[in-house]
Every structure is written in C-alpha cells, then in structure tokens.
Amino acid sequence: MHRFKVGQSVRYNASTARRFGSSASFKIVKLLPPEGGFPQYRIKSPSEAHERIAMENELNQDF
C-alpha cells in the first residue's frame, strides 16, 4: 500500500538529493510496484528535466 498519492509534494531524503538542499520539493508522478518491501515512486523536481525513482522510505511529506 502506497503512503503517498500521485500529484502530492514530497521531500526526497536520499543522499543524491542533498545537492538540492533540505527544502527540495518533488512531485509524485507515478506509483510503482514495491521492491525490497518498500513501495516505489516516480518523482519529478521542477528544477530538473528528468524523473527519478525513489523508495517510500526515502520520502517525507512536504508541508
């Protein structure tokens, strides 16, 4: 069961996102099947041309 929904804003906490700073916001673009027990998501930052794949444990709700 996915915790986040398509269109929701989230913070990406993986080490590769550190260059965006702690306030980097991404949007959930697509829900993906789980891998290793964690649901996966396709996410997109408005400042990037490409999308990323993130595990649910790498995301937090963006307020």
N, C-alpha and C. Protein backbone atom coordinates (compact mmCIF):
# COMPACT_ATOMS: atom_id res chain seq x y z
N MET A 1 0.85 -1.18 0.00
CA MET A 1 0.00 0.00 0.00
C MET A 1 0.89 1.25 0.00
N HIS A 2 0.67 2.13 -0.94
CA HIS A 2 1.45 3.36 -1.05
C HIS A 2 0.94 4.42 -0.06
N ARG A 3 1.86 5.09 0.59
CA ARG A 3 1.54 6.14 1.56
C ARG A 3 1.24 7.48 0.87
N PHE A 4 1.88 7.73 -0.27
CA PHE A 4 1.72 8.99 -0.99
C PHE A 4 0.89 8.77 -2.26
N LYS A 5 0.31 9.88 -2.75
CA LYS A 5 -0.55 9.82 -3.93
C LYS A 5 0.07 10.57 -5.09
N VAL A 6 -0.33 10.24 -6.30
CA VAL A 6 0.12 10.96 -7.50
C VAL A 6 -0.29 12.42 -7.36
N GLY A 7 0.66 13.32 -7.66
CA GLY A 7 0.42 14.76 -7.57
C GLY A 7 0.83 15.36 -6.24
N GLN A 8 1.09 14.53 -5.24
CA GLN A 8 1.47 15.02 -3.91
C GLN A 8 2.91 15.53 -3.92
N SER A 9 3.18 16.60 -3.17
CA SER A 9 4.53 17.12 -3.00
C SER A 9 5.21 16.39 -1.85
N VAL A 10 6.46 15.99 -2.08
CA VAL A 10 7.25 15.27 -1.06
C VAL A 10 8.67 15.82 -1.03
N ARG A 11 9.37 15.52 0.05
CA ARG A 11 10.80 15.79 0.15
C ARG A 11 11.54 14.48 -0.07
N TYR A 12 12.58 14.55 -0.86
CA TYR A 12 13.40 13.37 -1.18
C TYR A 12 14.64 13.43 -0.31
N ASN A 13 14.84 12.41 0.53
CA ASN A 13 15.91 12.43 1.53
C ASN A 13 17.11 11.57 1.19
N ALA A 14 17.18 11.04 -0.01
CA ALA A 14 18.33 10.22 -0.40
C ALA A 14 19.58 11.10 -0.52
N SER A 15 20.74 10.52 -0.35
CA SER A 15 21.99 11.27 -0.41
C SER A 15 22.20 11.97 -1.74
N THR A 16 21.64 11.43 -2.82
CA THR A 16 21.79 12.07 -4.13
C THR A 16 21.00 13.36 -4.23
N ALA A 17 20.04 13.56 -3.33
CA ALA A 17 19.22 14.78 -3.36
C ALA A 17 19.81 15.90 -2.52
N ARG A 18 20.89 15.64 -1.82
CA ARG A 18 21.48 16.67 -0.94
C ARG A 18 21.87 17.93 -1.67
N ARG A 19 22.21 17.79 -2.93
CA ARG A 19 22.63 18.98 -3.68
C ARG A 19 21.47 19.95 -3.89
N PHE A 20 20.22 19.49 -3.67
CA PHE A 20 19.06 20.37 -3.80
C PHE A 20 18.79 21.15 -2.52
N GLY A 21 19.41 20.77 -1.42
CA GLY A 21 19.13 21.40 -0.14
C GLY A 21 17.94 20.73 0.53
N SER A 22 17.75 21.04 1.79
CA SER A 22 16.71 20.36 2.57
C SER A 22 15.30 20.76 2.16
N SER A 23 15.15 21.86 1.43
CA SER A 23 13.81 22.29 1.06
C SER A 23 13.42 21.83 -0.34
N ALA A 24 14.21 20.96 -0.95
CA ALA A 24 13.91 20.47 -2.29
C ALA A 24 12.57 19.74 -2.30
N SER A 25 11.71 20.14 -3.19
CA SER A 25 10.39 19.54 -3.28
C SER A 25 10.25 18.79 -4.60
N PHE A 26 9.66 17.62 -4.52
CA PHE A 26 9.41 16.78 -5.68
C PHE A 26 7.93 16.45 -5.71
N LYS A 27 7.41 16.16 -6.87
CA LYS A 27 6.02 15.73 -7.02
C LYS A 27 6.00 14.25 -7.37
N ILE A 28 5.04 13.53 -6.81
CA ILE A 28 4.83 12.13 -7.16
C ILE A 28 4.20 12.11 -8.55
N VAL A 29 4.86 11.42 -9.48
CA VAL A 29 4.39 11.33 -10.86
C VAL A 29 3.66 10.02 -11.11
N LYS A 30 4.16 8.94 -10.48
CA LYS A 30 3.59 7.61 -10.74
C LYS A 30 3.87 6.70 -9.56
N LEU A 31 2.94 5.80 -9.24
CA LEU A 31 3.15 4.77 -8.23
C LEU A 31 3.74 3.56 -8.92
N LEU A 32 4.78 2.97 -8.31
CA LEU A 32 5.46 1.81 -8.87
C LEU A 32 5.34 0.62 -7.92
N PRO A 33 5.53 -0.60 -8.42
CA PRO A 33 5.46 -1.78 -7.55
C PRO A 33 6.56 -1.74 -6.48
N PRO A 34 6.30 -2.41 -5.35
CA PRO A 34 7.29 -2.47 -4.27
C PRO A 34 8.56 -3.21 -4.69
N GLU A 35 9.65 -2.83 -4.05
CA GLU A 35 10.92 -3.54 -4.21
C GLU A 35 11.57 -3.60 -2.83
N GLY A 36 11.96 -4.78 -2.40
CA GLY A 36 12.59 -4.94 -1.10
C GLY A 36 11.66 -4.57 0.05
N GLY A 37 10.36 -4.72 -0.16
CA GLY A 37 9.40 -4.45 0.91
C GLY A 37 8.94 -3.00 0.98
N PHE A 38 9.48 -2.12 0.15
CA PHE A 38 9.09 -0.71 0.16
C PHE A 38 8.42 -0.34 -1.16
N PRO A 39 7.27 0.34 -1.10
CA PRO A 39 6.68 0.86 -2.32
C PRO A 39 7.64 1.84 -2.99
N GLN A 40 7.58 1.92 -4.30
CA GLN A 40 8.43 2.84 -5.06
C GLN A 40 7.56 3.88 -5.76
N TYR A 41 8.20 5.01 -6.08
CA TYR A 41 7.52 6.11 -6.73
C TYR A 41 8.41 6.70 -7.82
N ARG A 42 7.79 7.20 -8.86
CA ARG A 42 8.50 8.02 -9.84
C ARG A 42 8.23 9.46 -9.40
N ILE A 43 9.31 10.24 -9.20
CA ILE A 43 9.18 11.61 -8.70
C ILE A 43 9.86 12.58 -9.66
N LYS A 44 9.45 13.84 -9.60
CA LYS A 44 10.00 14.87 -10.50
C LYS A 44 10.16 16.17 -9.74
N SER A 45 11.32 16.79 -9.93
CA SER A 45 11.59 18.11 -9.39
C SER A 45 11.34 19.14 -10.49
N PRO A 46 10.73 20.28 -10.16
CA PRO A 46 10.52 21.31 -11.19
C PRO A 46 11.83 21.86 -11.75
N SER A 47 12.93 21.68 -11.02
CA SER A 47 14.22 22.21 -11.46
C SER A 47 15.02 21.23 -12.31
N GLU A 48 14.48 20.04 -12.57
CA GLU A 48 15.17 19.03 -13.37
C GLU A 48 14.33 18.61 -14.56
N ALA A 49 14.98 18.23 -15.63
CA ALA A 49 14.28 17.76 -16.83
C ALA A 49 13.90 16.28 -16.73
N HIS A 50 14.58 15.54 -15.87
CA HIS A 50 14.34 14.09 -15.78
C HIS A 50 13.56 13.73 -14.52
N GLU A 51 13.07 12.50 -14.49
CA GLU A 51 12.37 11.96 -13.32
C GLU A 51 13.30 11.01 -12.58
N ARG A 52 12.99 10.76 -11.34
CA ARG A 52 13.77 9.83 -10.51
C ARG A 52 12.84 8.75 -9.98
N ILE A 53 13.44 7.64 -9.55
CA ILE A 53 12.70 6.60 -8.84
C ILE A 53 13.16 6.65 -7.40
N ALA A 54 12.19 6.68 -6.47
CA ALA A 54 12.51 6.76 -5.04
C ALA A 54 11.72 5.70 -4.29
N MET A 55 12.35 5.16 -3.26
CA MET A 55 11.68 4.23 -2.37
C MET A 55 10.90 5.05 -1.34
N GLU A 56 9.82 4.47 -0.83
CA GLU A 56 8.99 5.20 0.13
C GLU A 56 9.76 5.64 1.36
N ASN A 57 10.73 4.84 1.81
CA ASN A 57 11.50 5.20 3.00
C ASN A 57 12.46 6.36 2.74
N GLU A 58 12.59 6.83 1.50
CA GLU A 58 13.43 7.98 1.16
C GLU A 58 12.62 9.28 1.05
N LEU A 59 11.30 9.18 1.27
CA LEU A 59 10.41 10.32 1.08
C LEU A 59 9.74 10.74 2.38
N ASN A 60 9.50 12.03 2.51
CA ASN A 60 8.72 12.59 3.62
C ASN A 60 7.68 13.52 3.03
N GLN A 61 6.59 13.68 3.76
CA GLN A 61 5.55 14.61 3.31
C GLN A 61 6.09 16.02 3.32
N ASP A 62 5.86 16.77 2.26
CA ASP A 62 6.31 18.16 2.14
C ASP A 62 5.19 19.06 2.63
N PHE A 63 5.50 19.89 3.61
CA PHE A 63 4.48 20.79 4.16
C PHE A 63 4.64 22.10 3.54
